[in-house]
Amino acid sequence: MSTRIAGALAAALAALIAAPEGARADCTCRYDGGRVELGQTVCMKTPQGERLARCDMAINNPSWTFIDALCPTASLSPAPPRRAHPSRPALAETPRQ
């Protein structure tokens, strides 16, 4: 009888030790209708404006941690002025005959 109890306790202990690893692998944060993997960042819209946040674990729960970095943005430099092709007239000109 004591062998059965010891075996059951060993199995329960092994399951408890293995559970956090398996549970952590499935944890994701949610934002804007989607899922974000642990460690990934998103530019989150907040009442204070857009802020960069990372998906982390806090007390065994997925949670957002705000980062002091700015949200990445892209900008376009002004396009250079267009020049007419040497063999073609500019758009504003009328073709010569």
PDB file of N, CA and C in Angstrom:
ATOM      1  N   MET A   1       0.827  -1.186   0.000  1.00  0.00           N
ATOM      2  CA  MET A   1       0.000   0.000   0.000  1.00  0.00           C
ATOM      3  C   MET A   1       0.875   1.254   0.000  1.00  0.00           C
ATOM      4  N   SER A   2       1.909   1.278   0.818  1.00  0.00           N
ATOM      5  CA  SER A   2       2.770   2.458   0.875  1.00  0.00           C
ATOM      6  C   SER A   2       3.522   2.664  -0.432  1.00  0.00           C
ATOM      7  N   THR A   3       3.774   1.585  -1.185  1.00  0.00           N
ATOM      8  CA  THR A   3       4.417   1.711  -2.486  1.00  0.00           C
ATOM      9  C   THR A   3       3.495   2.417  -3.468  1.00  0.00           C
ATOM     10  N   ARG A   4       2.209   2.114  -3.392  1.00  0.00           N
ATOM     11  CA  ARG A   4       1.233   2.790  -4.266  1.00  0.00           C
ATOM     12  C   ARG A   4       1.162   4.278  -3.959  1.00  0.00           C
ATOM     13  N   ILE A   5       1.125   4.617  -2.691  1.00  0.00           N
ATOM     14  CA  ILE A   5       1.039   6.024  -2.294  1.00  0.00           C
ATOM     15  C   ILE A   5       2.304   6.762  -2.725  1.00  0.00           C
ATOM     16  N   ALA A   6       3.454   6.128  -2.515  1.00  0.00           N
ATOM     17  CA  ALA A   6       4.713   6.747  -2.915  1.00  0.00           C
ATOM     18  C   ALA A   6       4.749   6.954  -4.430  1.00  0.00           C
ATOM     19  N   GLY A   7       4.253   5.976  -5.187  1.00  0.00           N
ATOM     20  CA  GLY A   7       4.208   6.107  -6.645  1.00  0.00           C
ATOM     21  C   GLY A   7       3.268   7.210  -7.084  1.00  0.00           C
ATOM     22  N   ALA A   8       2.113   7.319  -6.434  1.00  0.00           N
ATOM     23  CA  ALA A   8       1.146   8.369  -6.759  1.00  0.00           C
ATOM     24  C   ALA A   8       1.711   9.743  -6.428  1.00  0.00           C
ATOM     25  N   LEU A   9       2.380   9.841  -5.286  1.00  0.00           N
ATOM     26  CA  LEU A   9       2.990  11.117  -4.910  1.00  0.00           C
ATOM     27  C   LEU A   9       4.103  11.515  -5.880  1.00  0.00           C
ATOM     28  N   ALA A  10       4.895  10.544  -6.292  1.00  0.00           N
ATOM     29  CA  ALA A  10       5.966  10.827  -7.245  1.00  0.00           C
ATOM     30  C   ALA A  10       5.393  11.288  -8.585  1.00  0.00           C
ATOM     31  N   ALA A  11       4.311  10.657  -9.025  1.00  0.00           N
ATOM     32  CA  ALA A  11       3.678  11.062 -10.287  1.00  0.00           C
ATOM     33  C   ALA A  11       3.083  12.458 -10.176  1.00  0.00           C
ATOM     34  N   ALA A  12       2.447  12.757  -9.042  1.00  0.00           N
ATOM     35  CA  ALA A  12       1.860  14.087  -8.838  1.00  0.00           C
ATOM     36  C   ALA A  12       2.950  15.155  -8.790  1.00  0.00           C
ATOM     37  N   LEU A  13       4.043  14.848  -8.112  1.00  0.00           N
ATOM     38  CA  LEU A  13       5.157  15.798  -8.022  1.00  0.00           C
ATOM     39  C   LEU A  13       5.768  16.048  -9.398  1.00  0.00           C
ATOM     40  N   ALA A  14       5.937  15.010 -10.181  1.00  0.00           N
ATOM     41  CA  ALA A  14       6.487  15.156 -11.529  1.00  0.00           C
ATOM     42  C   ALA A  14       5.560  16.005 -12.397  1.00  0.00           C
ATOM     43  N   ALA A  15       4.251  15.832 -12.248  1.00  0.00           N
ATOM     44  CA  ALA A  15       3.295  16.621 -13.026  1.00  0.00           C
ATOM     45  C   ALA A  15       3.354  18.090 -12.621  1.00  0.00           C
ATOM     46  N   LEU A  16       3.496  18.364 -11.331  1.00  0.00           N
ATOM     47  CA  LEU A  16       3.583  19.752 -10.870  1.00  0.00           C
ATOM     48  C   LEU A  16       4.858  20.427 -11.354  1.00  0.00           C
ATOM     49  N   ILE A  17       5.948  19.684 -11.367  1.00  0.00           N
ATOM     50  CA  ILE A  17       7.221  20.251 -11.815  1.00  0.00           C
ATOM     51  C   ILE A  17       7.173  20.530 -13.316  1.00  0.00           C
ATOM     52  N   ALA A  18       6.562  19.655 -14.090  1.00  0.00           N
ATOM     53  CA  ALA A  18       6.516  19.807 -15.548  1.00  0.00           C
ATOM     54  C   ALA A  18       5.461  20.809 -15.991  1.00  0.00           C
ATOM     55  N   ALA A  19       4.444  21.078 -15.197  1.00  0.00           N
ATOM     56  CA  ALA A  19       3.327  21.933 -15.603  1.00  0.00           C
ATOM     57  C   ALA A  19       3.751  23.358 -15.957  1.00  0.00           C
ATOM     58  N   PRO A  20       4.581  24.043 -15.156  1.00  0.00           N
ATOM     59  CA  PRO A  20       4.926  25.416 -15.523  1.00  0.00           C
ATOM     60  C   PRO A  20       5.618  25.520 -16.878  1.00  0.00           C
ATOM     61  N   GLU A  21       6.470  24.585 -17.222  1.00  0.00           N
ATOM     62  CA  GLU A  21       7.149  24.623 -18.519  1.00  0.00           C
ATOM     63  C   GLU A  21       6.140  24.532 -19.658  1.00  0.00           C
ATOM     64  N   GLY A  22       5.230  23.561 -19.571  1.00  0.00           N
ATOM     65  CA  GLY A  22       4.234  23.386 -20.623  1.00  0.00           C
ATOM     66  C   GLY A  22       3.261  24.535 -20.682  1.00  0.00           C
ATOM     67  N   ALA A  23       2.844  25.047 -19.525  1.00  0.00           N
ATOM     68  CA  ALA A  23       1.886  26.146 -19.497  1.00  0.00           C
ATOM     69  C   ALA A  23       2.516  27.417 -20.049  1.00  0.00           C
ATOM     70  N   ARG A  24       3.774  27.654 -19.740  1.00  0.00           N
ATOM     71  CA  ARG A  24       4.442  28.874 -20.196  1.00  0.00           C
ATOM     72  C   ARG A  24       4.555  28.908 -21.722  1.00  0.00           C
ATOM     73  N   ALA A  25       4.738  27.745 -22.334  1.00  0.00           N
ATOM     74  CA  ALA A  25       4.898  27.697 -23.782  1.00  0.00           C
ATOM     75  C   ALA A  25       3.629  28.140 -24.507  1.00  0.00           C
ATOM     76  N   ASP A  26       2.456  27.963 -23.885  1.00  0.00           N
ATOM     77  CA  ASP A  26       1.194  28.332 -24.521  1.00  0.00           C
ATOM     78  C   ASP A  26       0.744  29.737 -24.170  1.00  0.00           C
ATOM     79  N   CYS A  27       1.443  30.436 -23.292  1.00  0.00           N
ATOM     80  CA  CYS A  27       1.011  31.759 -22.847  1.00  0.00           C
ATOM     81  C   CYS A  27       1.305  32.806 -23.917  1.00  0.00           C
ATOM     82  N   THR A  28       0.319  33.630 -24.194  1.00  0.00           N
ATOM     83  CA  THR A  28       0.475  34.753 -25.107  1.00  0.00           C
ATOM     84  C   THR A  28      -0.281  35.942 -24.530  1.00  0.00           C
ATOM     85  N   CYS A  29       0.086  37.129 -24.932  1.00  0.00           N
ATOM     86  CA  CYS A  29      -0.657  38.332 -24.579  1.00  0.00           C
ATOM     87  C   CYS A  29      -1.645  38.616 -25.706  1.00  0.00           C
ATOM     88  N   ARG A  30      -2.682  39.318 -25.387  1.00  0.00           N
ATOM     89  CA  ARG A  30      -3.673  39.686 -26.400  1.00  0.00           C
ATOM     90  C   ARG A  30      -3.692  41.199 -26.564  1.00  0.00           C
ATOM     91  N   TYR A  31      -3.827  41.625 -27.826  1.00  0.00           N
ATOM     92  CA  TYR A  31      -3.950  43.055 -28.107  1.00  0.00           C
ATOM     93  C   TYR A  31      -4.606  43.239 -29.463  1.00  0.00           C
ATOM     94  N   ASP A  32      -5.570  44.101 -29.523  1.00  0.00           N
ATOM     95  CA  ASP A  32      -6.233  44.499 -30.763  1.00  0.00           C
ATOM     96  C   ASP A  32      -6.757  43.284 -31.548  1.00  0.00           C
ATOM     97  N   GLY A  33      -7.349  42.325 -30.833  1.00  0.00           N
ATOM     98  CA  GLY A  33      -7.938  41.160 -31.473  1.00  0.00           C
ATOM     99  C   GLY A  33      -6.968  40.066 -31.863  1.00  0.00           C
ATOM    100  N   GLY A  34      -5.703  40.204 -31.534  1.00  0.00           N
ATOM    101  CA  GLY A  34      -4.716  39.191 -31.909  1.00  0.00           C
ATOM    102  C   GLY A  34      -3.921  38.709 -30.712  1.00  0.00           C
ATOM    103  N   ARG A  35      -3.046  37.747 -30.963  1.00  0.00           N
ATOM    104  CA  ARG A  35      -2.178  37.190 -29.924  1.00  0.00           C
ATOM    105  C   ARG A  35      -0.734  37.607 -30.192  1.00  0.00           C
ATOM    106  N   VAL A  36      -0.022  37.894 -29.120  1.00  0.00           N
ATOM    107  CA  VAL A  36       1.377  38.306 -29.203  1.00  0.00           C
ATOM    108  C   VAL A  36       2.190  37.353 -28.341  1.00  0.00           C
ATOM    109  N   GLU A  37       3.250  36.778 -28.891  1.00  0.00           N
ATOM    110  CA  GLU A  37       4.096  35.824 -28.173  1.00  0.00           C
ATOM    111  C   GLU A  37       4.898  36.532 -27.082  1.00  0.00           C
ATOM    112  N   LEU A  38       5.274  35.766 -26.063  1.00  0.00           N
ATOM    113  CA  LEU A  38       6.108  36.312 -24.986  1.00  0.00           C
ATOM    114  C   LEU A  38       7.397  36.889 -25.555  1.00  0.00           C
ATOM    115  N   GLY A  39       7.773  38.081 -25.090  1.00  0.00           N
ATOM    116  CA  GLY A  39       9.001  38.726 -25.525  1.00  0.00           C
ATOM    117  C   GLY A  39       8.828  39.654 -26.717  1.00  0.00           C
ATOM    118  N   GLN A  40       7.721  39.544 -27.447  1.00  0.00           N
ATOM    119  CA  GLN A  40       7.505  40.423 -28.600  1.00  0.00           C
ATOM    120  C   GLN A  40       6.956  41.765 -28.132  1.00  0.00           C
ATOM    121  N   THR A  41       7.154  42.787 -28.944  1.00  0.00           N
ATOM    122  CA  THR A  41       6.682  44.130 -28.605  1.00  0.00           C
ATOM    123  C   THR A  41       5.636  44.597 -29.604  1.00  0.00           C
ATOM    124  N   VAL A  42       4.783  45.501 -29.140  1.00  0.00           N
ATOM    125  CA  VAL A  42       3.788  46.144 -29.997  1.00  0.00           C
ATOM    126  C   VAL A  42       3.734  47.619 -29.640  1.00  0.00           C
ATOM    127  N   CYS A  43       3.306  48.420 -30.578  1.00  0.00           N
ATOM    128  CA  CYS A  43       3.062  49.832 -30.330  1.00  0.00           C
ATOM    129  C   CYS A  43       1.590  49.934 -29.923  1.00  0.00           C
ATOM    130  N   MET A  44       1.344  50.173 -28.643  1.00  0.00           N
ATOM    131  CA  MET A  44       0.010  50.112 -28.067  1.00  0.00           C
ATOM    132  C   MET A  44      -0.601  51.508 -27.943  1.00  0.00           C
ATOM    133  N   LYS A  45      -1.849  51.636 -28.364  1.00  0.00           N
ATOM    134  CA  LYS A  45      -2.567  52.905 -28.216  1.00  0.00           C
ATOM    135  C   LYS A  45      -3.102  53.003 -26.799  1.00  0.00           C
ATOM    136  N   THR A  46      -2.701  54.048 -26.075  1.00  0.00           N
ATOM    137  CA  THR A  46      -3.131  54.259 -24.694  1.00  0.00           C
ATOM    138  C   THR A  46      -3.698  55.667 -24.575  1.00  0.00           C
ATOM    139  N   PRO A  47      -4.364  55.986 -23.461  1.00  0.00           N
ATOM    140  CA  PRO A  47      -4.844  57.358 -23.267  1.00  0.00           C
ATOM    141  C   PRO A  47      -3.719  58.397 -23.283  1.00  0.00           C
ATOM    142  N   GLN A  48      -2.488  57.970 -22.978  1.00  0.00           N
ATOM    143  CA  GLN A  48      -1.334  58.884 -23.003  1.00  0.00           C
ATOM    144  C   GLN A  48      -0.691  58.948 -24.385  1.00  0.00           C
ATOM    145  N   GLY A  49      -1.256  58.293 -25.370  1.00  0.00           N
ATOM    146  CA  GLY A  49      -0.692  58.248 -26.711  1.00  0.00           C
ATOM    147  C   GLY A  49      -0.115  56.867 -26.987  1.00  0.00           C
ATOM    148  N   GLU A  50       0.568  56.717 -28.100  1.00  0.00           N
ATOM    149  CA  GLU A  50       1.145  55.423 -28.454  1.00  0.00           C
ATOM    150  C   GLU A  50       2.383  55.150 -27.605  1.00  0.00           C
ATOM    151  N   ARG A  51       2.435  53.918 -27.053  1.00  0.00           N
ATOM    152  CA  ARG A  51       3.571  53.520 -26.220  1.00  0.00           C
ATOM    153  C   ARG A  51       4.004  52.128 -26.629  1.00  0.00           C
ATOM    154  N   LEU A  52       5.304  51.870 -26.519  1.00  0.00           N
ATOM    155  CA  LEU A  52       5.858  50.567 -26.848  1.00  0.00           C
ATOM    156  C   LEU A  52       5.706  49.654 -25.624  1.00  0.00           C
ATOM    157  N   ALA A  53       5.129  48.459 -25.844  1.00  0.00           N
ATOM    158  CA  ALA A  53       4.909  47.513 -24.750  1.00  0.00           C
ATOM    159  C   ALA A  53       5.422  46.138 -25.159  1.00  0.00           C
ATOM    160  N   ARG A  54       5.939  45.383 -24.171  1.00  0.00           N
ATOM    161  CA  ARG A  54       6.468  44.033 -24.403  1.00  0.00           C
ATOM    162  C   ARG A  54       5.600  43.030 -23.650  1.00  0.00           C
ATOM    163  N   CYS A  55       5.339  41.892 -24.256  1.00  0.00           N
ATOM    164  CA  CYS A  55       4.583  40.812 -23.626  1.00  0.00           C
ATOM    165  C   CYS A  55       5.512  40.067 -22.681  1.00  0.00           C
ATOM    166  N   ASP A  56       5.211  40.095 -21.374  1.00  0.00           N
ATOM    167  CA  ASP A  56       6.026  39.454 -20.343  1.00  0.00           C
ATOM    168  C   ASP A  56       5.146  38.579 -19.457  1.00  0.00           C
ATOM    169  N   MET A  57       5.795  37.877 -18.524  1.00  0.00           N
ATOM    170  CA  MET A  57       5.073  37.098 -17.516  1.00  0.00           C
ATOM    171  C   MET A  57       5.156  37.843 -16.189  1.00  0.00           C
ATOM    172  N   ALA A  58       4.012  37.953 -15.490  1.00  0.00           N
ATOM    173  CA  ALA A  58       3.965  38.547 -14.160  1.00  0.00           C
ATOM    174  C   ALA A  58       3.124  37.631 -13.275  1.00  0.00           C
ATOM    175  N   ILE A  59       3.743  37.022 -12.293  1.00  0.00           N
ATOM    176  CA  ILE A  59       3.081  36.088 -11.374  1.00  0.00           C
ATOM    177  C   ILE A  59       2.321  35.022 -12.166  1.00  0.00           C
ATOM    178  N   ASN A  60       3.023  34.370 -13.094  1.00  0.00           N
ATOM    179  CA  ASN A  60       2.491  33.276 -13.910  1.00  0.00           C
ATOM    180  C   ASN A  60       1.333  33.674 -14.816  1.00  0.00           C
ATOM    181  N   ASN A  61       1.223  34.948 -15.132  1.00  0.00           N
ATOM    182  CA  ASN A  61       0.201  35.430 -16.061  1.00  0.00           C
ATOM    183  C   ASN A  61       0.861  36.297 -17.119  1.00  0.00           C
ATOM    184  N   PRO A  62       0.402  36.190 -18.371  1.00  0.00           N
ATOM    185  CA  PRO A  62       0.944  37.094 -19.385  1.00  0.00           C
ATOM    186  C   PRO A  62       0.505  38.518 -19.074  1.00  0.00           C
ATOM    187  N   SER A  63       1.422  39.460 -19.241  1.00  0.00           N
ATOM    188  CA  SER A  63       1.151  40.849 -18.882  1.00  0.00           C
ATOM    189  C   SER A  63       1.965  41.775 -19.776  1.00  0.00           C
ATOM    190  N   TRP A  64       1.481  42.996 -19.955  1.00  0.00           N
ATOM    191  CA  TRP A  64       2.196  43.990 -20.753  1.00  0.00           C
ATOM    192  C   TRP A  64       3.112  44.811 -19.867  1.00  0.00           C
ATOM    193  N   THR A  65       4.345  45.001 -20.314  1.00  0.00           N
ATOM    194  CA  THR A  65       5.314  45.869 -19.643  1.00  0.00           C
ATOM    195  C   THR A  65       5.639  47.004 -20.597  1.00  0.00           C
ATOM    196  N   PHE A  66       5.369  48.242 -20.168  1.00  0.00           N
ATOM    197  CA  PHE A  66       5.677  49.387 -21.022  1.00  0.00           C
ATOM    198  C   PHE A  66       7.166  49.675 -20.991  1.00  0.00           C
ATOM    199  N   ILE A  67       7.705  49.986 -22.164  1.00  0.00           N
ATOM    200  CA  ILE A  67       9.131  50.233 -22.353  1.00  0.00           C
ATOM    201  C   ILE A  67       9.325  51.731 -22.576  1.00  0.00           C
ATOM    202  N   ASP A  68      10.433  52.262 -22.126  1.00  0.00           N
ATOM    203  CA  ASP A  68      10.693  53.698 -22.267  1.00  0.00           C
ATOM    204  C   ASP A  68      11.085  54.114 -23.682  1.00  0.00           C
ATOM    205  N   ALA A  69      11.221  53.157 -24.585  1.00  0.00           N
ATOM    206  CA  ALA A  69      11.580  53.482 -25.974  1.00  0.00           C
ATOM    207  C   ALA A  69      10.342  53.995 -26.724  1.00  0.00           C
ATOM    208  N   LEU A  70      10.586  54.768 -27.754  1.00  0.00           N
ATOM    209  CA  LEU A  70       9.493  55.278 -28.580  1.00  0.00           C
ATOM    210  C   LEU A  70       9.025  54.222 -29.565  1.00  0.00           C
ATOM    211  N   CYS A  71       7.776  54.334 -29.982  1.00  0.00           N
ATOM    212  CA  CYS A  71       7.256  53.433 -31.008  1.00  0.00           C
ATOM    213  C   CYS A  71       8.003  53.701 -32.312  1.00  0.00           C
ATOM    214  N   PRO A  72       8.388  52.655 -33.021  1.00  0.00           N
ATOM    215  CA  PRO A  72       9.076  52.870 -34.294  1.00  0.00           C
ATOM    216  C   PRO A  72       8.118  53.459 -35.322  1.00  0.00           C
ATOM    217  N   THR A  73       8.597  54.405 -36.084  1.00  0.00           N
ATOM    218  CA  THR A  73       7.788  55.022 -37.134  1.00  0.00           C
ATOM    219  C   THR A  73       8.599  55.066 -38.425  1.00  0.00           C
ATOM    220  N   ALA A  74       7.889  55.169 -39.490  1.00  0.00           N
ATOM    221  CA  ALA A  74       8.537  55.291 -40.798  1.00  0.00           C
ATOM    222  C   ALA A  74       8.192  56.662 -41.354  1.00  0.00           C
ATOM    223  N   SER A  75       9.099  57.234 -42.075  1.00  0.00           N
ATOM    224  CA  SER A  75       8.817  58.511 -42.710  1.00  0.00           C
ATOM    225  C   SER A  75       9.394  58.485 -44.118  1.00  0.00           C
ATOM    226  N   LEU A  76       8.752  59.213 -44.953  1.00  0.00           N
ATOM    227  CA  LEU A  76       9.214  59.316 -46.333  1.00  0.00           C
ATOM    228  C   LEU A  76       9.864  60.670 -46.533  1.00  0.00           C
ATOM    229  N   SER A  77      11.008  60.695 -47.181  1.00  0.00           N
ATOM    230  CA  SER A  77      11.619  61.970 -47.508  1.00  0.00           C
ATOM    231  C   SER A  77      10.903  62.519 -48.740  1.00  0.00           C
ATOM    232  N   PRO A  78      10.888  63.821 -48.899  1.00  0.00           N
ATOM    233  CA  PRO A  78      10.211  64.385 -50.068  1.00  0.00           C
ATOM    234  C   PRO A  78      10.824  63.847 -51.358  1.00  0.00           C
ATOM    235  N   ALA A  79       9.977  63.599 -52.314  1.00  0.00           N
ATOM    236  CA  ALA A  79      10.444  63.091 -53.601  1.00  0.00           C
ATOM    237  C   ALA A  79      11.194  64.190 -54.339  1.00  0.00           C
ATOM    238  N   PRO A  80      12.257  63.846 -55.047  1.00  0.00           N
ATOM    239  CA  PRO A  80      12.974  64.864 -55.825  1.00  0.00           C
ATOM    240  C   PRO A  80      12.073  65.363 -56.953  1.00  0.00           C
ATOM    241  N   PRO A  81      12.284  66.589 -57.418  1.00  0.00           N
ATOM    242  CA  PRO A  81      11.450  67.113 -58.507  1.00  0.00           C
ATOM    243  C   PRO A  81      11.599  66.250 -59.757  1.00  0.00           C
ATOM    244  N   ARG A  82      10.500  66.055 -60.440  1.00  0.00           N
ATOM    245  CA  ARG A  82      10.521  65.225 -61.637  1.00  0.00           C
ATOM    246  C   ARG A  82      11.046  66.039 -62.814  1.00  0.00           C
ATOM    247  N   ARG A  83      11.896  65.408 -63.579  1.00  0.00           N
ATOM    248  CA  ARG A  83      12.420  66.045 -64.788  1.00  0.00           C
ATOM    249  C   ARG A  83      11.906  65.258 -65.977  1.00  0.00           C
ATOM    250  N   ALA A  84      11.671  65.966 -67.034  1.00  0.00           N
ATOM    251  CA  ALA A  84      11.186  65.314 -68.250  1.00  0.00           C
ATOM    252  C   ALA A  84      12.289  64.465 -68.858  1.00  0.00           C
ATOM    253  N   HIS A  85      11.898  63.390 -69.451  1.00  0.00           N
ATOM    254  CA  HIS A  85      12.842  62.530 -70.165  1.00  0.00           C
ATOM    255  C   HIS A  85      13.347  63.321 -71.369  1.00  0.00           C
ATOM    256  N   PRO A  86      14.631  63.230 -71.717  1.00  0.00           N
ATOM    257  CA  PRO A  86      15.177  64.041 -72.810  1.00  0.00           C
ATOM    258  C   PRO A  86      14.440  63.845 -74.140  1.00  0.00           C
ATOM    259  N   SER A  87      13.936  62.675 -74.415  1.00  0.00           N
ATOM    260  CA  SER A  87      13.283  62.458 -75.703  1.00  0.00           C
ATOM    261  C   SER A  87      11.768  62.628 -75.635  1.00  0.00           C
ATOM    262  N   ARG A  88      11.232  62.914 -74.448  1.00  0.00           N
ATOM    263  CA  ARG A  88       9.792  63.101 -74.304  1.00  0.00           C
ATOM    264  C   ARG A  88       9.516  64.464 -73.704  1.00  0.00           C
ATOM    265  N   PRO A  89       8.408  65.089 -74.097  1.00  0.00           N
ATOM    266  CA  PRO A  89       8.072  66.398 -73.530  1.00  0.00           C
ATOM    267  C   PRO A  89       7.610  66.254 -72.080  1.00  0.00           C
ATOM    268  N   ALA A  90       7.745  67.327 -71.310  1.00  0.00           N
ATOM    269  CA  ALA A  90       7.230  67.330 -69.954  1.00  0.00           C
ATOM    270  C   ALA A  90       5.717  67.290 -69.994  1.00  0.00           C
ATOM    271  N   LEU A  91       5.074  66.918 -68.908  1.00  0.00           N
ATOM    272  CA  LEU A  91       3.620  66.790 -68.883  1.00  0.00           C
ATOM    273  C   LEU A  91       2.926  68.118 -69.177  1.00  0.00           C
ATOM    274  N   ALA A  92       3.486  69.229 -68.750  1.00  0.00           N
ATOM    275  CA  ALA A  92       2.838  70.524 -68.955  1.00  0.00           C
ATOM    276  C   ALA A  92       2.988  71.033 -70.380  1.00  0.00           C
ATOM    277  N   GLU A  93       3.934  70.522 -71.114  1.00  0.00           N
ATOM    278  CA  GLU A  93       4.153  70.993 -72.471  1.00  0.00           C
ATOM    279  C   GLU A  93       3.231  70.237 -73.457  1.00  0.00           C
ATOM    280  N   THR A  94       2.943  70.908 -74.567  1.00  0.00           N
ATOM    281  CA  THR A  94       2.194  70.242 -75.630  1.00  0.00           C
ATOM    282  C   THR A  94       3.205  69.676 -76.623  1.00  0.00           C
ATOM    283  N   PRO A  95       2.926  68.513 -77.156  1.00  0.00           N
ATOM    284  CA  PRO A  95       3.897  67.923 -78.097  1.00  0.00           C
ATOM    285  C   PRO A  95       4.051  68.782 -79.352  1.00  0.00           C
ATOM    286  N   ARG A  96       5.279  68.866 -79.826  1.00  0.00           N
ATOM    287  CA  ARG A  96       5.563  69.623 -81.055  1.00  0.00           C
ATOM    288  C   ARG A  96       5.420  68.699 -82.257  1.00  0.00           C
ATOM    289  N   GLN A  97       4.943  69.277 -83.365  1.00  0.00           N
ATOM    290  CA  GLN A  97       4.780  68.460 -84.571  1.00  0.00           C
ATOM    291  C   GLN A  97       5.683  68.901 -85.660  1.00  0.00           C
TER     292      GLN A  97
END
